[in-house]
Protein backbone atom coordinates (compact mmCIF):
# COMPACT_ATOMS: atom_id res chain seq x y z
CA MET A 1 0.00 0.00 0.00
CA PHE A 2 1.29 3.45 -1.00
CA PHE A 3 1.33 6.23 1.59
CA PRO A 4 2.19 9.82 0.61
CA ASN A 5 5.50 11.30 1.71
CA PHE A 6 5.05 15.07 1.84
CA SER A 7 8.75 15.74 1.42
CA ASP A 8 8.54 14.02 -1.97
CA LEU A 9 5.07 15.21 -3.01
CA LYS A 10 5.24 17.34 -6.13
CA ILE A 11 2.23 18.96 -7.77
CA SER A 12 2.22 18.99 -11.56
CA SER A 13 -0.51 19.75 -14.04
CA ASP A 14 0.80 16.80 -16.05
CA THR A 15 0.27 14.34 -13.18
CA SER A 16 -3.13 12.72 -12.80
CA ILE A 17 -4.29 10.44 -10.02
CA VAL A 18 -5.27 7.98 -12.75
CA SER A 19 -1.56 7.51 -13.51
CA ILE A 20 -0.81 6.86 -9.80
CA PHE A 21 -3.67 4.63 -8.63
CA SER A 22 -5.57 1.96 -10.52
CA PRO A 23 -9.32 1.55 -9.86
CA ASP A 24 -8.59 -1.56 -7.79
CA GLU A 25 -6.10 0.36 -5.63
CA ILE A 26 -8.63 3.17 -5.06
CA ILE A 27 -11.23 0.60 -3.99
CA SER A 28 -8.72 -1.07 -1.65
CA ILE A 29 -8.03 2.31 0.01
CA LEU A 30 -11.76 2.89 0.42
CA ARG A 31 -12.34 -0.53 1.97
CA LEU A 32 -9.47 -0.09 4.43
CA THR A 33 -10.74 3.36 5.38
CA GLU A 34 -14.25 2.02 5.91
CA SER A 35 -13.03 -0.58 8.39
CA ILE A 36 -11.17 2.08 10.40
CA LEU A 37 -14.13 4.48 10.39
CA MET A 38 -16.45 1.76 11.66
CA GLU A 39 -14.15 1.27 14.68
CA GLU A 40 -14.93 4.88 15.64
CA ASN A 41 -18.15 6.20 17.16
CA SER A 42 -20.54 8.53 15.34
CA LEU A 43 -19.39 11.07 17.96
CA LEU A 44 -15.60 11.20 18.05
CA GLU A 45 -14.09 12.11 21.43
CA ILE A 46 -10.51 13.36 21.25
CA SER A 47 -8.25 15.69 23.20
CA ALA A 48 -6.55 18.98 22.38
CA PRO A 49 -4.19 20.28 21.09
CA LEU A 50 -5.30 19.93 17.48
CA LYS A 51 -6.00 21.91 14.33
CA ILE A 52 -9.44 22.09 12.77
CA ILE A 53 -9.99 22.37 9.02
CA GLY A 54 -13.26 23.34 7.32
CA ASP A 55 -14.60 22.80 3.80
CA LEU A 56 -12.08 21.73 1.13
CA HIS A 57 -14.38 21.24 -1.89
CA GLY A 58 -12.14 19.27 -4.19
CA ASP A 59 -9.26 21.76 -4.29
CA PHE A 60 -6.14 19.59 -3.99
CA HIS A 61 -3.64 22.42 -4.51
CA ASN A 62 -5.32 24.36 -1.70
CA LEU A 63 -5.04 21.31 0.60
CA ILE A 64 -1.30 20.96 -0.07
CA ARG A 65 -0.79 24.67 0.60
CA LEU A 66 -2.69 24.27 3.87
CA PHE A 67 -0.39 21.41 4.87
CA ASP A 68 2.62 23.57 4.02
CA LEU A 69 1.21 26.26 6.31
CA ILE A 70 -0.08 24.28 9.28
CA GLY A 71 1.97 21.06 9.15
CA THR A 72 0.57 17.58 8.89
CA VAL A 73 0.33 14.25 10.66
CA PRO A 74 1.90 12.67 12.63
CA LYS A 75 3.41 15.86 14.10
CA GLU A 76 0.05 17.67 14.14
CA LYS A 77 -3.31 16.27 15.19
CA LEU A 78 -5.89 17.24 12.57
CA LEU A 79 -9.69 17.28 12.51
CA PHE A 80 -11.48 17.82 9.19
CA LEU A 81 -15.11 18.97 9.25
CA GLY A 82 -16.24 17.52 5.92
CA ASN A 83 -17.04 18.65 2.36
CA TYR A 84 -14.04 17.05 0.70
CA VAL A 85 -15.67 16.86 -2.75
CA ASP A 86 -17.74 18.88 -5.26
CA ILE A 87 -17.25 22.29 -6.88
CA GLY A 88 -13.53 21.67 -7.46
CA MET A 89 -12.48 18.83 -9.75
CA ASP A 90 -9.94 17.16 -7.44
CA GLY A 91 -12.37 15.56 -5.02
CA ILE A 92 -10.88 12.11 -5.61
CA GLU A 93 -7.36 13.41 -4.95
CA VAL A 94 -8.41 15.23 -1.77
CA SER A 95 -10.38 12.25 -0.44
CA VAL A 96 -7.78 9.62 -1.29
CA LEU A 97 -4.94 11.62 0.27
CA LEU A 98 -6.91 12.10 3.50
CA PHE A 99 -7.96 8.43 3.51
CA CYS A 100 -4.34 7.30 3.05
CA LEU A 101 -3.30 9.49 5.96
CA LYS A 102 -6.15 8.05 8.02
CA ILE A 103 -4.99 4.51 7.28
CA ARG A 104 -1.41 5.35 8.21
CA TYR A 105 -2.05 7.64 11.21
CA ARG A 106 -5.52 6.74 12.44
CA ASP A 107 -5.02 8.35 15.86
CA ARG A 108 -3.70 11.65 14.47
CA ILE A 109 -6.22 12.53 11.76
CA PHE A 110 -10.00 12.53 12.12
CA LEU A 111 -12.57 12.98 9.36
CA LEU A 112 -16.19 14.10 9.78
CA LYS A 113 -18.99 13.92 7.27
CA GLY A 114 -20.17 17.04 5.44
CA ASN A 115 -23.37 17.71 3.55
CA HIS A 116 -21.55 17.07 0.27
CA GLU A 117 -20.65 13.53 1.36
CA ILE A 118 -24.23 12.57 0.46
CA PRO A 119 -24.95 10.95 -2.94
CA ALA A 120 -27.98 13.15 -3.68
CA VAL A 121 -25.73 16.22 -3.33
CA ASN A 122 -22.41 15.14 -4.84
CA LYS A 123 -24.15 13.64 -7.87
CA MET A 124 -25.37 17.15 -8.71
CA TYR A 125 -22.39 19.33 -7.76
CA GLY A 126 -19.53 17.73 -9.66
CA PHE A 127 -18.17 14.65 -7.89
CA TYR A 128 -20.15 12.15 -9.97
CA THR A 129 -18.88 13.80 -13.17
CA GLU A 130 -15.32 13.76 -11.83
CA CYS A 131 -15.52 10.05 -11.01
CA ASP A 132 -16.99 9.30 -14.42
CA MET A 133 -14.22 11.22 -16.21
CA LYS A 134 -11.35 9.69 -14.25
CA TYR A 135 -12.39 6.11 -13.43
CA GLY A 136 -15.93 5.57 -14.67
CA PRO A 137 -19.25 5.98 -12.82
CA GLY A 138 -18.99 2.72 -10.85
CA ILE A 139 -16.31 4.05 -8.51
CA TRP A 140 -18.64 6.87 -7.44
CA TRP A 141 -20.73 4.26 -5.61
CA ASP A 142 -17.63 2.95 -3.83
CA PHE A 143 -16.93 6.44 -2.51
CA GLN A 144 -20.51 6.73 -1.25
CA CYS A 145 -20.09 3.51 0.74
CA CYS A 146 -17.09 5.08 2.46
CA PHE A 147 -18.73 8.50 2.97
CA ASN A 148 -21.73 6.83 4.62
CA ARG A 149 -19.42 5.57 7.37
CA LEU A 150 -17.88 8.93 8.30
CA PRO A 151 -18.54 10.13 11.90
CA LEU A 152 -20.96 13.03 12.30
CA ALA A 153 -19.48 15.13 15.12
CA CYS A 154 -16.52 15.41 17.46
CA LEU A 155 -16.15 16.42 21.11
CA VAL A 156 -12.73 17.93 21.87
CA SER A 157 -11.56 17.68 25.48
CA GLN A 158 -15.19 17.31 26.60
CA LYS A 159 -15.86 21.02 25.97
CA VAL A 160 -15.59 21.93 22.27
CA PHE A 161 -18.31 20.52 20.00
CA CYS A 162 -17.26 20.23 16.35
CA VAL A 163 -19.64 19.47 13.50
CA HIS A 164 -20.00 20.28 9.83
CA GLY A 165 -23.33 22.09 9.92
CA GLY A 166 -24.75 22.91 13.31
CA LEU A 167 -27.35 22.25 15.98
CA SER A 168 -30.68 20.45 15.84
CA PRO A 169 -33.94 20.81 17.79
CA GLU A 170 -33.67 17.03 18.25
CA LEU A 171 -30.26 17.24 19.92
CA THR A 172 -31.01 17.01 23.63
CA SER A 173 -27.90 15.05 24.64
CA LEU A 174 -24.62 13.98 23.07
CA GLN A 175 -25.67 10.37 23.56
CA GLU A 176 -28.14 10.82 20.71
CA ILE A 177 -25.21 11.33 18.33
CA ARG A 178 -23.33 8.38 19.81
CA ASP A 179 -26.39 6.24 19.11
CA ILE A 180 -26.56 7.06 15.38
CA GLN A 181 -25.95 3.85 13.48
CA ARG A 182 -23.67 3.84 10.45
CA PRO A 183 -23.48 3.36 7.52
CA SER A 184 -26.17 5.97 7.12
CA GLU A 185 -27.50 8.21 4.40
CA PRO A 186 -29.81 11.00 5.60
CA ILE A 187 -32.56 11.59 3.07
CA SER A 188 -35.09 13.70 4.99
CA SER A 189 -35.38 15.78 8.13
CA GLY A 190 -33.98 14.76 11.49
CA LEU A 191 -30.93 14.94 13.74
CA GLU A 192 -28.39 13.67 11.22
CA MET A 193 -29.66 16.03 8.52
CA ASP A 194 -29.46 19.00 10.90
CA LEU A 195 -25.90 18.16 11.97
CA LEU A 196 -24.92 18.38 8.30
CA TRP A 197 -27.10 21.26 7.09
CA SER A 198 -28.13 23.77 9.79
CA ASP A 199 -26.61 27.26 10.06
CA PRO A 200 -26.30 29.98 12.71
CA THR A 201 -27.99 33.33 12.16
CA ASN A 202 -27.56 36.77 13.70
CA ARG A 203 -31.13 37.81 12.84
CA GLY A 204 -32.90 36.31 15.83
CA ASP A 205 -32.61 34.14 18.93
CA GLY A 206 -34.67 31.05 18.09
CA TRP A 207 -35.18 28.50 15.31
CA PHE A 208 -36.01 29.60 11.76
CA GLN A 209 -36.57 27.97 8.39
CA SER A 210 -33.29 27.78 6.47
CA TYR A 211 -32.71 29.69 3.26
CA ARG A 212 -31.18 26.44 1.95
CA GLY A 213 -34.60 24.80 1.98
CA ILE A 214 -33.22 22.07 4.26
CA SER A 215 -32.94 22.02 8.06
CA TYR A 216 -32.91 25.23 10.17
CA LEU A 217 -31.22 28.46 11.10
CA PHE A 218 -30.54 28.91 14.83
CA GLY A 219 -29.86 32.05 16.85
CA LYS A 220 -27.87 33.07 19.90
CA ARG A 221 -30.38 31.80 22.49
CA VAL A 222 -30.37 28.34 20.88
CA VAL A 223 -26.55 28.29 21.06
CA ASP A 224 -26.53 29.38 24.71
CA GLU A 225 -29.11 26.76 25.67
CA ALA A 226 -27.25 24.01 23.76
CA CYS A 227 -23.96 24.88 25.46
CA LYS A 228 -25.63 24.64 28.86
CA ARG A 229 -27.57 21.46 28.05
CA LEU A 230 -24.61 19.65 26.47
CA ASN A 231 -22.09 21.02 29.01
CA ILE A 232 -19.87 22.49 26.30
CA SER A 233 -18.22 25.90 26.04
CA LEU A 234 -17.77 26.34 22.28
CA ILE A 235 -19.13 25.12 18.93
CA ILE A 236 -16.84 24.97 15.90
CA ARG A 237 -18.42 24.29 12.52
CA SER A 238 -17.92 24.89 8.79
CA HIS A 239 -20.52 24.78 5.98
CA MET A 240 -20.51 28.55 5.21
CA VAL A 241 -18.16 30.74 3.20
CA VAL A 242 -16.89 33.55 5.44
CA PRO A 243 -14.70 36.39 4.12
CA ASP A 244 -11.75 35.93 6.48
CA GLY A 245 -11.87 32.12 6.54
CA PHE A 246 -13.20 32.18 10.13
CA GLU A 247 -15.88 34.11 11.93
CA VAL A 248 -16.86 34.42 15.59
CA MET A 249 -20.65 34.33 15.90
CA ASN A 250 -23.60 33.93 18.26
CA GLY A 251 -22.19 35.69 21.32
CA ARG A 252 -18.67 34.23 20.95
CA ARG A 253 -19.96 30.71 21.60
CA LEU A 254 -19.65 29.61 17.95
CA ILE A 255 -16.92 29.86 15.31
CA THR A 256 -17.35 29.11 11.62
CA VAL A 257 -14.21 28.03 9.75
CA PHE A 258 -13.88 27.69 5.97
CA SER A 259 -10.66 26.36 4.47
CA VAL A 260 -10.86 26.90 0.70
CA ALA A 261 -9.10 30.09 -0.35
CA ASN A 262 -10.77 32.16 -3.07
CA TYR A 263 -13.92 30.03 -3.14
CA ALA A 264 -15.84 33.31 -3.35
CA GLY A 265 -13.09 35.90 -2.99
CA ASN A 266 -12.45 34.74 0.59
CA ALA A 267 -9.41 33.79 2.61
CA ALA A 268 -9.05 30.27 4.03
CA ALA A 269 -8.41 29.58 7.69
CA VAL A 270 -7.54 26.75 10.06
CA LEU A 271 -8.40 26.94 13.76
CA CYS A 272 -5.81 25.85 16.33
CA VAL A 273 -7.00 24.70 19.75
CA ASN A 274 -4.34 24.29 22.46
CA GLU A 275 -4.41 22.26 25.70
CA LYS A 276 -6.11 25.14 27.52
CA LEU A 277 -8.78 25.23 24.77
CA GLU A 278 -7.56 28.65 23.65
CA VAL A 279 -8.34 29.21 19.97
CA THR A 280 -5.99 30.83 17.46
CA HIS A 281 -5.99 30.75 13.67
CA GLN A 282 -3.75 30.36 10.66
CA LYS A 283 -4.88 32.01 7.46
CA LEU A 284 -4.27 31.32 3.78
CA THR A 285 -5.24 33.49 0.82
CA ALA A 286 -4.97 32.80 -2.88
CA PRO A 287 -2.44 32.58 -4.35
CA TYR A 288 0.01 33.63 -1.61
CA PRO A 289 -0.19 32.69 2.11
CA LEU A 290 -0.65 35.00 5.08
CA LEU A 291 -1.91 38.10 3.27
CA GLN A 292 -4.64 40.00 5.08
CA VAL A 293 -7.94 40.31 3.20
CA PRO A 294 -10.18 43.21 4.32
CA ALA A 295 -13.66 41.92 5.09
CA PHE A 296 -16.70 42.81 7.16
CA PRO A 297 -17.51 40.31 9.93
CA LEU A 298 -21.06 38.96 10.15
CA THR A 299 -21.14 38.73 13.92
CA ALA A 300 -24.06 38.00 16.22
CA ASN A 301 -24.06 41.66 17.30
CA LEU A 302 -24.08 44.18 14.46
CA ASP A 303 -22.48 46.97 16.50
CA SER A 304 -19.15 47.71 14.75
CA THR A 305 -17.12 48.03 17.97
CA ILE A 306 -18.35 44.66 19.23
CA ALA A 307 -17.75 43.16 15.79
CA LEU A 308 -14.12 44.27 15.95
CA SER A 309 -13.80 42.85 19.46
CA ASP A 310 -15.26 39.54 18.24
CA MET A 311 -12.68 39.27 15.48
CA LYS A 312 -9.85 39.93 17.93
CA GLN A 313 -10.97 37.01 20.10
CA VAL A 314 -9.23 34.66 17.63
CA LYS A 315 -5.69 35.96 17.37
CA ILE A 316 -3.04 35.28 14.74
CA PHE A 317 -1.40 31.91 15.41
CA LEU A 318 2.13 31.99 16.82
CA LYS A 319 2.88 28.83 18.81
CA PHE A 320 1.16 26.67 21.41
């Protein structure tokens, strides 16, 4: 079995994954990954320090640049919040690289499911077409079998709740996530769908219908009540493009992180959580790293002075 060596990894427009892995080798990687994922619970429980990465959306070059910036396993512990495929045309490359790292360093890299790791979504937004072009449509089904086994949420040091989408009115205890049986494919409303699809809003305190047409929007009061009920202090999630790559929301109890640079003129960010559960960030912009991109924060409080204070809560990363 081949495992990537980052010191030797070279990106070339002339190199295709098809010339590196045969269909049978891809399927073998998927089957090995599935067996490891099924040894984990639907709610991962891991300890800090670690780094948390948001949406990747099939941008392999962006992923390699992120690794150059933040480091990789086994030195760093990494948690990915889903959306590995679609939009970009390197979803296979992104997924296979992360799966190989998971096989090699299963206790140092953790992968959650995103809303694009659902067949009804990634058949429409590019991944099916990518699979068909590179290996034929059959391998798309093999990826779905693996995606359906991805965990749905992660609890970091018992206090930081990480998920792709957000909260659910059906989430009354963390045990409900632990009890979700996999493989699973959410096709309608419910807890699993909300974990993948819901979003925070700064326009009210309660639950609202989502502009996505799926799941809900939830306000500051919902976040406060969930933190108290679940005995957590912070929620970290992805699922939304934010101008600076990260955004502090809902009364500083929730942070959104998005890790694809220039997806919509935005920077990319990675959140770093140390042993004391202090959060810092590392930022990447396209095409050069660590350039500041002016942007207006969409914070829970629209007062500009509080917005500025919110942004300063997550300081530029130096060292743990």
